[in-house]
Amino acid sequence: MPFGIKFFCFLFVMIALGDLAHDYYIWSLDQQTQVFSIVPMGWSFKHYLPEEHQMLIDTLSPETFNMLLTPILALPAAFLFAGLTVFLVAAYFLVKMVSLARGGGVKDTSYDYKRR
């Protein structure tokens, strides 16, 4: 697997685990709530970066923000980044399978240079 795909998979998994750790931390602070809940990404964005959130709404129109970004921000970050990781790995293997089916084979990228 190429380094770029490994890097982004690692990055996406770390973000997903970090979000789950944050949700667990928030849940552990609130002792009255017995049910563990995963907060949407929009809540974290609005809670921790309110100025940037408002700037994004002002830059885009509120209608455009609601149409484009609200569905994405309604997803939990852990699910979004775990899904991106699965999509990235599946796309890599799909491209590899199509390449093999077309007769491309696996290319040998290791070159042995010999000095003459």
PDB file of N, CA and C in Angstrom:
ATOM      1  N   MET A   1       0.853  -1.169   0.000  1.00  0.00           N
ATOM      2  CA  MET A   1       0.000   0.000   0.000  1.00  0.00           C
ATOM      3  C   MET A   1       0.902   1.236   0.000  1.00  0.00           C
ATOM      4  N   PRO A   2       0.603   2.212  -0.827  1.00  0.00           N
ATOM      5  CA  PRO A   2       1.448   3.410  -0.889  1.00  0.00           C
ATOM      6  C   PRO A   2       1.464   4.189   0.428  1.00  0.00           C
ATOM      7  N   PHE A   3       2.551   4.922   0.616  1.00  0.00           N
ATOM      8  CA  PHE A   3       2.730   5.676   1.856  1.00  0.00           C
ATOM      9  C   PHE A   3       1.623   6.704   2.061  1.00  0.00           C
ATOM     10  N   GLY A   4       1.179   7.381   1.001  1.00  0.00           N
ATOM     11  CA  GLY A   4       0.142   8.407   1.122  1.00  0.00           C
ATOM     12  C   GLY A   4      -1.161   7.847   1.671  1.00  0.00           C
ATOM     13  N   ILE A   5      -1.534   6.675   1.200  1.00  0.00           N
ATOM     14  CA  ILE A   5      -2.775   6.055   1.694  1.00  0.00           C
ATOM     15  C   ILE A   5      -2.608   5.629   3.147  1.00  0.00           C
ATOM     16  N   LYS A   6      -1.456   5.069   3.477  1.00  0.00           N
ATOM     17  CA  LYS A   6      -1.210   4.686   4.873  1.00  0.00           C
ATOM     18  C   LYS A   6      -1.245   5.916   5.785  1.00  0.00           C
ATOM     19  N   PHE A   7      -0.648   7.010   5.313  1.00  0.00           N
ATOM     20  CA  PHE A   7      -0.612   8.235   6.117  1.00  0.00           C
ATOM     21  C   PHE A   7      -2.017   8.759   6.380  1.00  0.00           C
ATOM     22  N   PHE A   8      -2.850   8.853   5.329  1.00  0.00           N
ATOM     23  CA  PHE A   8      -4.196   9.383   5.526  1.00  0.00           C
ATOM     24  C   PHE A   8      -5.067   8.432   6.336  1.00  0.00           C
ATOM     25  N   CYS A   9      -4.883   7.128   6.167  1.00  0.00           N
ATOM     26  CA  CYS A   9      -5.620   6.176   7.010  1.00  0.00           C
ATOM     27  C   CYS A   9      -5.236   6.356   8.474  1.00  0.00           C
ATOM     28  N   PHE A  10      -3.941   6.485   8.744  1.00  0.00           N
ATOM     29  CA  PHE A  10      -3.482   6.713  10.109  1.00  0.00           C
ATOM     30  C   PHE A  10      -4.047   8.010  10.662  1.00  0.00           C
ATOM     31  N   LEU A  11      -4.009   9.068   9.845  1.00  0.00           N
ATOM     32  CA  LEU A  11      -4.530  10.365  10.272  1.00  0.00           C
ATOM     33  C   LEU A  11      -6.023  10.284  10.584  1.00  0.00           C
ATOM     34  N   PHE A  12      -6.798   9.657   9.700  1.00  0.00           N
ATOM     35  CA  PHE A  12      -8.242   9.554   9.909  1.00  0.00           C
ATOM     36  C   PHE A  12      -8.572   8.705  11.133  1.00  0.00           C
ATOM     37  N   VAL A  13      -7.828   7.627  11.343  1.00  0.00           N
ATOM     38  CA  VAL A  13      -8.073   6.778  12.521  1.00  0.00           C
ATOM     39  C   VAL A  13      -7.730   7.534  13.797  1.00  0.00           C
ATOM     40  N   MET A  14      -6.643   8.300  13.794  1.00  0.00           N
ATOM     41  CA  MET A  14      -6.272   9.071  14.979  1.00  0.00           C
ATOM     42  C   MET A  14      -7.316  10.144  15.291  1.00  0.00           C
ATOM     43  N   ILE A  15      -7.853  10.790  14.269  1.00  0.00           N
ATOM     44  CA  ILE A  15      -8.900  11.792  14.495  1.00  0.00           C
ATOM     45  C   ILE A  15     -10.147  11.132  15.055  1.00  0.00           C
ATOM     46  N   ALA A  16     -10.517   9.962  14.506  1.00  0.00           N
ATOM     47  CA  ALA A  16     -11.701   9.250  15.004  1.00  0.00           C
ATOM     48  C   ALA A  16     -11.507   8.817  16.454  1.00  0.00           C
ATOM     49  N   LEU A  17     -10.331   8.276  16.784  1.00  0.00           N
ATOM     50  CA  LEU A  17     -10.069   7.874  18.174  1.00  0.00           C
ATOM     51  C   LEU A  17      -9.997   9.077  19.106  1.00  0.00           C
ATOM     52  N   GLY A  18      -9.435  10.164  18.628  1.00  0.00           N
ATOM     53  CA  GLY A  18      -9.402  11.380  19.436  1.00  0.00           C
ATOM     54  C   GLY A  18     -10.791  11.911  19.723  1.00  0.00           C
ATOM     55  N   ASP A  19     -11.668  11.827  18.733  1.00  0.00           N
ATOM     56  CA  ASP A  19     -13.042  12.268  18.949  1.00  0.00           C
ATOM     57  C   ASP A  19     -13.765  11.361  19.941  1.00  0.00           C
ATOM     58  N   LEU A  20     -13.548  10.055  19.832  1.00  0.00           N
ATOM     59  CA  LEU A  20     -14.158   9.144  20.809  1.00  0.00           C
ATOM     60  C   LEU A  20     -13.615   9.393  22.219  1.00  0.00           C
ATOM     61  N   ALA A  21     -12.320   9.680  22.313  1.00  0.00           N
ATOM     62  CA  ALA A  21     -11.744   9.992  23.630  1.00  0.00           C
ATOM     63  C   ALA A  21     -12.341  11.284  24.182  1.00  0.00           C
ATOM     64  N   HIS A  22     -12.549  12.269  23.320  1.00  0.00           N
ATOM     65  CA  HIS A  22     -13.167  13.524  23.757  1.00  0.00           C
ATOM     66  C   HIS A  22     -14.600  13.272  24.233  1.00  0.00           C
ATOM     67  N   ASP A  23     -15.345  12.474  23.491  1.00  0.00           N
ATOM     68  CA  ASP A  23     -16.720  12.167  23.892  1.00  0.00           C
ATOM     69  C   ASP A  23     -16.756  11.422  25.221  1.00  0.00           C
ATOM     70  N   TYR A  24     -15.815  10.506  25.428  1.00  0.00           N
ATOM     71  CA  TYR A  24     -15.742   9.801  26.700  1.00  0.00           C
ATOM     72  C   TYR A  24     -15.406  10.765  27.836  1.00  0.00           C
ATOM     73  N   TYR A  25     -14.517  11.712  27.577  1.00  0.00           N
ATOM     74  CA  TYR A  25     -14.147  12.701  28.592  1.00  0.00           C
ATOM     75  C   TYR A  25     -15.353  13.563  28.970  1.00  0.00           C
ATOM     76  N   ILE A  26     -16.088  14.031  27.973  1.00  0.00           N
ATOM     77  CA  ILE A  26     -17.292  14.831  28.245  1.00  0.00           C
ATOM     78  C   ILE A  26     -18.310  14.006  29.022  1.00  0.00           C
ATOM     79  N   TRP A  27     -18.458  12.742  28.635  1.00  0.00           N
ATOM     80  CA  TRP A  27     -19.405  11.863  29.328  1.00  0.00           C
ATOM     81  C   TRP A  27     -18.973  11.618  30.769  1.00  0.00           C
ATOM     82  N   SER A  28     -17.662  11.474  31.003  1.00  0.00           N
ATOM     83  CA  SER A  28     -17.192  11.203  32.363  1.00  0.00           C
ATOM     84  C   SER A  28     -17.339  12.420  33.264  1.00  0.00           C
ATOM     85  N   LEU A  29     -17.359  13.633  32.696  1.00  0.00           N
ATOM     86  CA  LEU A  29     -17.554  14.831  33.512  1.00  0.00           C
ATOM     87  C   LEU A  29     -18.989  14.947  34.002  1.00  0.00           C
ATOM     88  N   ASP A  30     -19.930  14.494  33.192  1.00  0.00           N
ATOM     89  CA  ASP A  30     -21.341  14.583  33.541  1.00  0.00           C
ATOM     90  C   ASP A  30     -21.767  13.270  34.188  1.00  0.00           C
ATOM     91  N   GLN A  31     -21.762  13.232  35.512  1.00  0.00           N
ATOM     92  CA  GLN A  31     -22.055  11.998  36.223  1.00  0.00           C
ATOM     93  C   GLN A  31     -23.546  11.650  36.246  1.00  0.00           C
ATOM     94  N   GLN A  32     -24.407  12.605  35.904  1.00  0.00           N
ATOM     95  CA  GLN A  32     -25.844  12.343  35.940  1.00  0.00           C
ATOM     96  C   GLN A  32     -26.309  11.557  34.715  1.00  0.00           C
ATOM     97  N   THR A  33     -25.618  11.705  33.605  1.00  0.00           N
ATOM     98  CA  THR A  33     -26.007  11.006  32.388  1.00  0.00           C
ATOM     99  C   THR A  33     -25.412   9.604  32.414  1.00  0.00           C
ATOM    100  N   GLN A  34     -26.265   8.617  32.295  1.00  0.00           N
ATOM    101  CA  GLN A  34     -25.808   7.234  32.331  1.00  0.00           C
ATOM    102  C   GLN A  34     -25.530   6.674  30.936  1.00  0.00           C
ATOM    103  N   VAL A  35     -26.042   7.345  29.903  1.00  0.00           N
ATOM    104  CA  VAL A  35     -25.914   6.847  28.543  1.00  0.00           C
ATOM    105  C   VAL A  35     -24.777   7.589  27.847  1.00  0.00           C
ATOM    106  N   PHE A  36     -23.859   6.819  27.272  1.00  0.00           N
ATOM    107  CA  PHE A  36     -22.748   7.409  26.525  1.00  0.00           C
ATOM    108  C   PHE A  36     -23.275   7.864  25.169  1.00  0.00           C
ATOM    109  N   SER A  37     -22.991   9.112  24.815  1.00  0.00           N
ATOM    110  CA  SER A  37     -23.448   9.619  23.526  1.00  0.00           C
ATOM    111  C   SER A  37     -22.268  10.213  22.768  1.00  0.00           C
ATOM    112  N   ILE A  38     -22.350  10.092  21.460  1.00  0.00           N
ATOM    113  CA  ILE A  38     -21.319  10.641  20.589  1.00  0.00           C
ATOM    114  C   ILE A  38     -21.865  11.939  20.029  1.00  0.00           C
ATOM    115  N   VAL A  39     -21.152  13.028  20.279  1.00  0.00           N
ATOM    116  CA  VAL A  39     -21.641  14.340  19.860  1.00  0.00           C
ATOM    117  C   VAL A  39     -21.352  14.559  18.379  1.00  0.00           C
ATOM    118  N   PRO A  40     -22.226  15.310  17.714  1.00  0.00           N
ATOM    119  CA  PRO A  40     -21.966  15.623  16.306  1.00  0.00           C
ATOM    120  C   PRO A  40     -20.770  16.558  16.154  1.00  0.00           C
ATOM    121  N   MET A  41     -20.173  16.521  14.978  1.00  0.00           N
ATOM    122  CA  MET A  41     -19.009  17.346  14.698  1.00  0.00           C
ATOM    123  C   MET A  41     -19.365  18.828  14.763  1.00  0.00           C
ATOM    124  N   GLY A  42     -20.579  19.181  14.388  1.00  0.00           N
ATOM    125  CA  GLY A  42     -21.012  20.575  14.426  1.00  0.00           C
ATOM    126  C   GLY A  42     -21.041  21.144  15.834  1.00  0.00           C
ATOM    127  N   TRP A  43     -21.398  20.306  16.812  1.00  0.00           N
ATOM    128  CA  TRP A  43     -21.416  20.771  18.194  1.00  0.00           C
ATOM    129  C   TRP A  43     -20.002  21.132  18.636  1.00  0.00           C
ATOM    130  N   SER A  44     -19.042  20.273  18.315  1.00  0.00           N
ATOM    131  CA  SER A  44     -17.648  20.552  18.699  1.00  0.00           C
ATOM    132  C   SER A  44     -17.150  21.812  18.010  1.00  0.00           C
ATOM    133  N   PHE A  45     -17.481  21.961  16.737  1.00  0.00           N
ATOM    134  CA  PHE A  45     -17.053  23.136  15.973  1.00  0.00           C
ATOM    135  C   PHE A  45     -17.663  24.406  16.559  1.00  0.00           C
ATOM    136  N   LYS A  46     -18.945  24.355  16.873  1.00  0.00           N
ATOM    137  CA  LYS A  46     -19.629  25.531  17.409  1.00  0.00           C
ATOM    138  C   LYS A  46     -19.220  25.820  18.853  1.00  0.00           C
ATOM    139  N   HIS A  47     -18.958  24.778  19.628  1.00  0.00           N
ATOM    140  CA  HIS A  47     -18.626  24.942  21.043  1.00  0.00           C
ATOM    141  C   HIS A  47     -17.192  25.444  21.239  1.00  0.00           C
ATOM    142  N   TYR A  48     -16.247  24.895  20.481  1.00  0.00           N
ATOM    143  CA  TYR A  48     -14.842  25.228  20.698  1.00  0.00           C
ATOM    144  C   TYR A  48     -14.327  26.341  19.781  1.00  0.00           C
ATOM    145  N   LEU A  49     -14.965  26.544  18.638  1.00  0.00           N
ATOM    146  CA  LEU A  49     -14.541  27.584  17.698  1.00  0.00           C
ATOM    147  C   LEU A  49     -15.738  28.443  17.284  1.00  0.00           C
ATOM    148  N   PRO A  50     -16.358  29.179  18.210  1.00  0.00           N
ATOM    149  CA  PRO A  50     -17.576  29.916  17.850  1.00  0.00           C
ATOM    150  C   PRO A  50     -17.330  31.050  16.855  1.00  0.00           C
ATOM    151  N   GLU A  51     -16.172  31.729  16.960  1.00  0.00           N
ATOM    152  CA  GLU A  51     -15.904  32.822  16.023  1.00  0.00           C
ATOM    153  C   GLU A  51     -15.722  32.296  14.600  1.00  0.00           C
ATOM    154  N   GLU A  52     -14.993  31.187  14.463  1.00  0.00           N
ATOM    155  CA  GLU A  52     -14.779  30.612  13.144  1.00  0.00           C
ATOM    156  C   GLU A  52     -16.075  30.055  12.569  1.00  0.00           C
ATOM    157  N   HIS A  53     -16.909  29.509  13.445  1.00  0.00           N
ATOM    158  CA  HIS A  53     -18.211  28.997  13.006  1.00  0.00           C
ATOM    159  C   HIS A  53     -19.060  30.132  12.452  1.00  0.00           C
ATOM    160  N   GLN A  54     -19.106  31.235  13.167  1.00  0.00           N
ATOM    161  CA  GLN A  54     -19.891  32.380  12.709  1.00  0.00           C
ATOM    162  C   GLN A  54     -19.280  32.992  11.446  1.00  0.00           C
ATOM    163  N   MET A  55     -17.953  33.031  11.361  1.00  0.00           N
ATOM    164  CA  MET A  55     -17.296  33.554  10.170  1.00  0.00           C
ATOM    165  C   MET A  55     -17.619  32.696   8.943  1.00  0.00           C
ATOM    166  N   LEU A  56     -17.683  31.381   9.133  1.00  0.00           N
ATOM    167  CA  LEU A  56     -18.035  30.493   8.028  1.00  0.00           C
ATOM    168  C   LEU A  56     -19.470  30.716   7.582  1.00  0.00           C
ATOM    169  N   ILE A  57     -20.370  30.916   8.531  1.00  0.00           N
ATOM    170  CA  ILE A  57     -21.768  31.196   8.183  1.00  0.00           C
ATOM    171  C   ILE A  57     -21.873  32.536   7.465  1.00  0.00           C
ATOM    172  N   ASP A  58     -21.113  33.533   7.928  1.00  0.00           N
ATOM    173  CA  ASP A  58     -21.149  34.843   7.278  1.00  0.00           C
ATOM    174  C   ASP A  58     -20.522  34.808   5.887  1.00  0.00           C
ATOM    175  N   THR A  59     -19.447  34.024   5.725  1.00  0.00           N
ATOM    176  CA  THR A  59     -18.800  33.921   4.423  1.00  0.00           C
ATOM    177  C   THR A  59     -19.722  33.260   3.409  1.00  0.00           C
ATOM    178  N   LEU A  60     -20.246  32.118   3.790  1.00  0.00           N
ATOM    179  CA  LEU A  60     -21.292  31.502   2.979  1.00  0.00           C
ATOM    180  C   LEU A  60     -22.598  32.159   3.403  1.00  0.00           C
ATOM    181  N   SER A  61     -23.590  32.076   2.618  1.00  0.00           N
ATOM    182  CA  SER A  61     -24.890  32.567   3.091  1.00  0.00           C
ATOM    183  C   SER A  61     -25.458  31.521   4.051  1.00  0.00           C
ATOM    184  N   PRO A  62     -26.344  31.913   4.971  1.00  0.00           N
ATOM    185  CA  PRO A  62     -26.927  30.918   5.872  1.00  0.00           C
ATOM    186  C   PRO A  62     -27.654  29.801   5.129  1.00  0.00           C
ATOM    187  N   GLU A  63     -28.264  30.130   3.990  1.00  0.00           N
ATOM    188  CA  GLU A  63     -28.960  29.101   3.214  1.00  0.00           C
ATOM    189  C   GLU A  63     -27.961  28.091   2.650  1.00  0.00           C
ATOM    190  N   THR A  64     -26.828  28.594   2.136  1.00  0.00           N
ATOM    191  CA  THR A  64     -25.810  27.706   1.591  1.00  0.00           C
ATOM    192  C   THR A  64     -25.182  26.869   2.690  1.00  0.00           C
ATOM    193  N   PHE A  65     -24.937  27.489   3.835  1.00  0.00           N
ATOM    194  CA  PHE A  65     -24.374  26.755   4.969  1.00  0.00           C
ATOM    195  C   PHE A  65     -25.304  25.630   5.389  1.00  0.00           C
ATOM    196  N   ASN A  66     -26.598  25.933   5.493  1.00  0.00           N
ATOM    197  CA  ASN A  66     -27.560  24.909   5.897  1.00  0.00           C
ATOM    198  C   ASN A  66     -27.696  23.816   4.855  1.00  0.00           C
ATOM    199  N   MET A  67     -27.596  24.180   3.580  1.00  0.00           N
ATOM    200  CA  MET A  67     -27.772  23.197   2.522  1.00  0.00           C
ATOM    201  C   MET A  67     -26.543  22.283   2.396  1.00  0.00           C
ATOM    202  N   LEU A  68     -25.333  22.855   2.475  1.00  0.00           N
ATOM    203  CA  LEU A  68     -24.126  22.081   2.217  1.00  0.00           C
ATOM    204  C   LEU A  68     -23.486  21.495   3.470  1.00  0.00           C
ATOM    205  N   LEU A  69     -23.298  22.285   4.491  1.00  0.00           N
ATOM    206  CA  LEU A  69     -22.490  21.860   5.626  1.00  0.00           C
ATOM    207  C   LEU A  69     -23.274  21.294   6.804  1.00  0.00           C
ATOM    208  N   THR A  70     -24.518  21.666   6.955  1.00  0.00           N
ATOM    209  CA  THR A  70     -25.281  21.159   8.099  1.00  0.00           C
ATOM    210  C   THR A  70     -25.414  19.637   8.084  1.00  0.00           C
ATOM    211  N   PRO A  71     -25.683  18.990   6.927  1.00  0.00           N
ATOM    212  CA  PRO A  71     -25.724  17.521   6.958  1.00  0.00           C
ATOM    213  C   PRO A  71     -24.384  16.887   7.329  1.00  0.00           C
ATOM    214  N   ILE A  72     -23.285  17.501   6.912  1.00  0.00           N
ATOM    215  CA  ILE A  72     -21.965  16.955   7.242  1.00  0.00           C
ATOM    216  C   ILE A  72     -21.651  17.189   8.723  1.00  0.00           C
ATOM    217  N   LEU A  73     -21.979  18.370   9.220  1.00  0.00           N
ATOM    218  CA  LEU A  73     -21.696  18.683  10.623  1.00  0.00           C
ATOM    219  C   LEU A  73     -22.626  17.961  11.587  1.00  0.00           C
ATOM    220  N   ALA A  74     -23.703  17.385  11.082  1.00  0.00           N
ATOM    221  CA  ALA A  74     -24.604  16.616  11.939  1.00  0.00           C
ATOM    222  C   ALA A  74     -24.050  15.221  12.225  1.00  0.00           C
ATOM    223  N   LEU A  75     -23.066  14.790  11.444  1.00  0.00           N
ATOM    224  CA  LEU A  75     -22.462  13.476  11.664  1.00  0.00           C
ATOM    225  C   LEU A  75     -21.459  13.530  12.801  1.00  0.00           C
ATOM    226  N   PRO A  76     -21.359  12.466  13.566  1.00  0.00           N
ATOM    227  CA  PRO A  76     -20.272  12.400  14.555  1.00  0.00           C
ATOM    228  C   PRO A  76     -18.929  12.298  13.831  1.00  0.00           C
ATOM    229  N   ALA A  77     -17.940  12.987  14.328  1.00  0.00           N
ATOM    230  CA  ALA A  77     -16.627  12.999  13.675  1.00  0.00           C
ATOM    231  C   ALA A  77     -16.010  11.603  13.641  1.00  0.00           C
ATOM    232  N   ALA A  78     -16.241  10.813  14.685  1.00  0.00           N
ATOM    233  CA  ALA A  78     -15.685   9.462  14.711  1.00  0.00           C
ATOM    234  C   ALA A  78     -16.235   8.634  13.552  1.00  0.00           C
ATOM    235  N   PHE A  79     -17.529   8.744  13.296  1.00  0.00           N
ATOM    236  CA  PHE A  79     -18.131   7.982  12.195  1.00  0.00           C
ATOM    237  C   PHE A  79     -17.667   8.518  10.854  1.00  0.00           C
ATOM    238  N   LEU A  80     -17.557   9.833  10.740  1.00  0.00           N
ATOM    239  CA  LEU A  80     -17.135  10.433   9.474  1.00  0.00           C
ATOM    240  C   LEU A  80     -15.719  10.004   9.111  1.00  0.00           C
ATOM    241  N   PHE A  81     -14.786  10.099  10.042  1.00  0.00           N
ATOM    242  CA  PHE A  81     -13.404   9.771   9.729  1.00  0.00           C
ATOM    243  C   PHE A  81     -13.174   8.264   9.640  1.00  0.00           C
ATOM    244  N   ALA A  82     -13.918   7.469  10.382  1.00  0.00           N
ATOM    245  CA  ALA A  82     -13.838   6.020  10.200  1.00  0.00           C
ATOM    246  C   ALA A  82     -14.378   5.636   8.824  1.00  0.00           C
ATOM    247  N   GLY A  83     -15.446   6.296   8.403  1.00  0.00           N
ATOM    248  CA  GLY A  83     -15.987   6.051   7.066  1.00  0.00           C
ATOM    249  C   GLY A  83     -15.033   6.482   5.967  1.00  0.00           C
ATOM    250  N   LEU A  84     -14.351   7.602   6.170  1.00  0.00           N
ATOM    251  CA  LEU A  84     -13.347   8.038   5.195  1.00  0.00           C
ATOM    252  C   LEU A  84     -12.196   7.045   5.092  1.00  0.00           C
ATOM    253  N   THR A  85     -11.799   6.461   6.207  1.00  0.00           N
ATOM    254  CA  THR A  85     -10.744   5.457   6.191  1.00  0.00           C
ATOM    255  C   THR A  85     -11.177   4.226   5.417  1.00  0.00           C
ATOM    256  N   VAL A  86     -12.383   3.743   5.675  1.00  0.00           N
ATOM    257  CA  VAL A  86     -12.895   2.577   4.953  1.00  0.00           C
ATOM    258  C   VAL A  86     -13.022   2.887   3.466  1.00  0.00           C
ATOM    259  N   PHE A  87     -13.504   4.079   3.132  1.00  0.00           N
ATOM    260  CA  PHE A  87     -13.636   4.460   1.725  1.00  0.00           C
ATOM    261  C   PHE A  87     -12.275   4.515   1.036  1.00  0.00           C
ATOM    262  N   LEU A  88     -11.276   5.068   1.707  1.00  0.00           N
ATOM    263  CA  LEU A  88      -9.946   5.189   1.128  1.00  0.00           C
ATOM    264  C   LEU A  88      -9.330   3.817   0.862  1.00  0.00           C
ATOM    265  N   VAL A  89      -9.446   2.906   1.816  1.00  0.00           N
ATOM    266  CA  VAL A  89      -8.897   1.562   1.640  1.00  0.00           C
ATOM    267  C   VAL A  89      -9.669   0.811   0.559  1.00  0.00           C
ATOM    268  N   ALA A  90     -10.991   0.924   0.552  1.00  0.00           N
ATOM    269  CA  ALA A  90     -11.798   0.251  -0.469  1.00  0.00           C
ATOM    270  C   ALA A  90     -11.495   0.791  -1.860  1.00  0.00           C
ATOM    271  N   ALA A  91     -11.324   2.102  -1.986  1.00  0.00           N
ATOM    272  CA  ALA A  91     -10.994   2.688  -3.284  1.00  0.00           C
ATOM    273  C   ALA A  91      -9.628   2.214  -3.757  1.00  0.00           C
ATOM    274  N   TYR A  92      -8.666   2.111  -2.852  1.00  0.00           N
ATOM    275  CA  TYR A  92      -7.339   1.622  -3.234  1.00  0.00           C
ATOM    276  C   TYR A  92      -7.429   0.194  -3.761  1.00  0.00           C
ATOM    277  N   PHE A  93      -8.122  -0.690  -3.033  1.00  0.00           N
ATOM    278  CA  PHE A  93      -8.209  -2.074  -3.473  1.00  0.00           C
ATOM    279  C   PHE A  93      -9.048  -2.216  -4.735  1.00  0.00           C
ATOM    280  N   LEU A  94     -10.051  -1.376  -4.915  1.00  0.00           N
ATOM    281  CA  LEU A  94     -10.837  -1.409  -6.143  1.00  0.00           C
ATOM    282  C   LEU A  94      -9.983  -1.014  -7.346  1.00  0.00           C
ATOM    283  N   VAL A  95      -9.200   0.031  -7.194  1.00  0.00           N
ATOM    284  CA  VAL A  95      -8.304   0.449  -8.287  1.00  0.00           C
ATOM    285  C   VAL A  95      -7.272  -0.633  -8.568  1.00  0.00           C
ATOM    286  N   LYS A  96      -6.771  -1.264  -7.526  1.00  0.00           N
ATOM    287  CA  LYS A  96      -5.791  -2.327  -7.705  1.00  0.00           C
ATOM    288  C   LYS A  96      -6.414  -3.530  -8.409  1.00  0.00           C
ATOM    289  N   MET A  97      -7.649  -3.884  -8.057  1.00  0.00           N
ATOM    290  CA  MET A  97      -8.323  -5.009  -8.704  1.00  0.00           C
ATOM    291  C   MET A  97      -8.615  -4.711 -10.161  1.00  0.00           C
ATOM    292  N   VAL A  98      -9.039  -3.501 -10.478  1.00  0.00           N
ATOM    293  CA  VAL A  98      -9.311  -3.128 -11.865  1.00  0.00           C
ATOM    294  C   VAL A  98      -8.012  -3.152 -12.661  1.00  0.00           C
ATOM    295  N   SER A  99      -6.932  -2.699 -12.074  1.00  0.00           N
ATOM    296  CA  SER A  99      -5.638  -2.728 -12.748  1.00  0.00           C
ATOM    297  C   SER A  99      -5.205  -4.154 -13.042  1.00  0.00           C
ATOM    298  N   LEU A 100      -5.410  -5.067 -12.095  1.00  0.00           N
ATOM    299  CA  LEU A 100      -5.063  -6.464 -12.310  1.00  0.00           C
ATOM    300  C   LEU A 100      -5.978  -7.113 -13.343  1.00  0.00           C
ATOM    301  N   ALA A 101      -7.261  -6.749 -13.342  1.00  0.00           N
ATOM    302  CA  ALA A 101      -8.211  -7.319 -14.294  1.00  0.00           C
ATOM    303  C   ALA A 101      -7.906  -6.875 -15.720  1.00  0.00           C
ATOM    304  N   ARG A 102      -7.363  -5.698 -15.878  1.00  0.00           N
ATOM    305  CA  ARG A 102      -7.010  -5.198 -17.211  1.00  0.00           C
ATOM    306  C   ARG A 102      -5.682  -5.752 -17.689  1.00  0.00           C
ATOM    307  N   GLY A 103      -5.044  -6.546 -16.862  1.00  0.00           N
ATOM    308  CA  GLY A 103      -3.780  -7.140 -17.261  1.00  0.00           C
ATOM    309  C   GLY A 103      -2.586  -6.278 -16.939  1.00  0.00           C
ATOM    310  N   GLY A 104      -2.790  -5.270 -16.113  1.00  0.00           N
ATOM    311  CA  GLY A 104      -1.689  -4.378 -15.768  1.00  0.00           C
ATOM    312  C   GLY A 104      -0.665  -5.051 -14.887  1.00  0.00           C
ATOM    313  N   GLY A 105      -1.117  -5.988 -14.075  1.00  0.00           N
ATOM    314  CA  GLY A 105      -0.186  -6.665 -13.184  1.00  0.00           C
ATOM    315  C   GLY A 105       0.314  -5.737 -12.097  1.00  0.00           C
ATOM    316  N   VAL A 106       1.158  -6.279 -11.295  1.00  0.00           N
ATOM    317  CA  VAL A 106       1.764  -5.503 -10.224  1.00  0.00           C
ATOM    318  C   VAL A 106       3.106  -5.013 -10.725  1.00  0.00           C
ATOM    319  N   LYS A 107       3.297  -3.731 -10.685  1.00  0.00           N
ATOM    320  CA  LYS A 107       4.541  -3.155 -11.167  1.00  0.00           C
ATOM    321  C   LYS A 107       5.603  -3.248 -10.084  1.00  0.00           C
ATOM    322  N   ASP A 108       6.785  -3.614 -10.512  1.00  0.00           N
ATOM    323  CA  ASP A 108       7.911  -3.672  -9.594  1.00  0.00           C
ATOM    324  C   ASP A 108       8.556  -2.294  -9.551  1.00  0.00           C
ATOM    325  N   THR A 109       8.469  -1.658  -8.414  1.00  0.00           N
ATOM    326  CA  THR A 109       9.017  -0.301  -8.302  1.00  0.00           C
ATOM    327  C   THR A 109      10.410  -0.283  -7.707  1.00  0.00           C
ATOM    328  N   SER A 110      10.947  -1.464  -7.415  1.00  0.00           N
ATOM    329  CA  SER A 110      12.297  -1.497  -6.870  1.00  0.00           C
ATOM    330  C   SER A 110      13.270  -1.693  -8.031  1.00  0.00           C
ATOM    331  N   TYR A 111      14.173  -0.789  -8.150  1.00  0.00           N
ATOM    332  CA  TYR A 111      15.151  -0.850  -9.220  1.00  0.00           C
ATOM    333  C   TYR A 111      16.522  -1.114  -8.625  1.00  0.00           C
ATOM    334  N   ASP A 112      17.212  -2.024  -9.225  1.00  0.00           N
ATOM    335  CA  ASP A 112      18.584  -2.301  -8.805  1.00  0.00           C
ATOM    336  C   ASP A 112      19.519  -1.648  -9.819  1.00  0.00           C
ATOM    337  N   TYR A 113      20.173  -0.614  -9.395  1.00  0.00           N
ATOM    338  CA  TYR A 113      21.136   0.052 -10.256  1.00  0.00           C
ATOM    339  C   TYR A 113      22.514  -0.519  -9.981  1.00  0.00           C
ATOM    340  N   LYS A 114      23.140  -0.930 -11.044  1.00  0.00           N
ATOM    341  CA  LYS A 114      24.473  -1.491 -10.901  1.00  0.00           C
ATOM    342  C   LYS A 114      25.479  -0.525 -11.503  1.00  0.00           C
ATOM    343  N   ARG A 115      26.523  -0.321 -10.808  1.00  0.00           N
ATOM    344  CA  ARG A 115      27.575   0.563 -11.289  1.00  0.00           C
ATOM    345  C   ARG A 115      28.430  -0.209 -12.278  1.00  0.00           C
ATOM    346  N   ARG A 116      28.728   0.424 -13.376  1.00  0.00           N
ATOM    347  CA  ARG A 116      29.549  -0.226 -14.402  1.00  0.00           C
ATOM    348  C   ARG A 116      30.990   0.100 -14.254  1.00  0.00           C
TER     349      ARG A 116
END
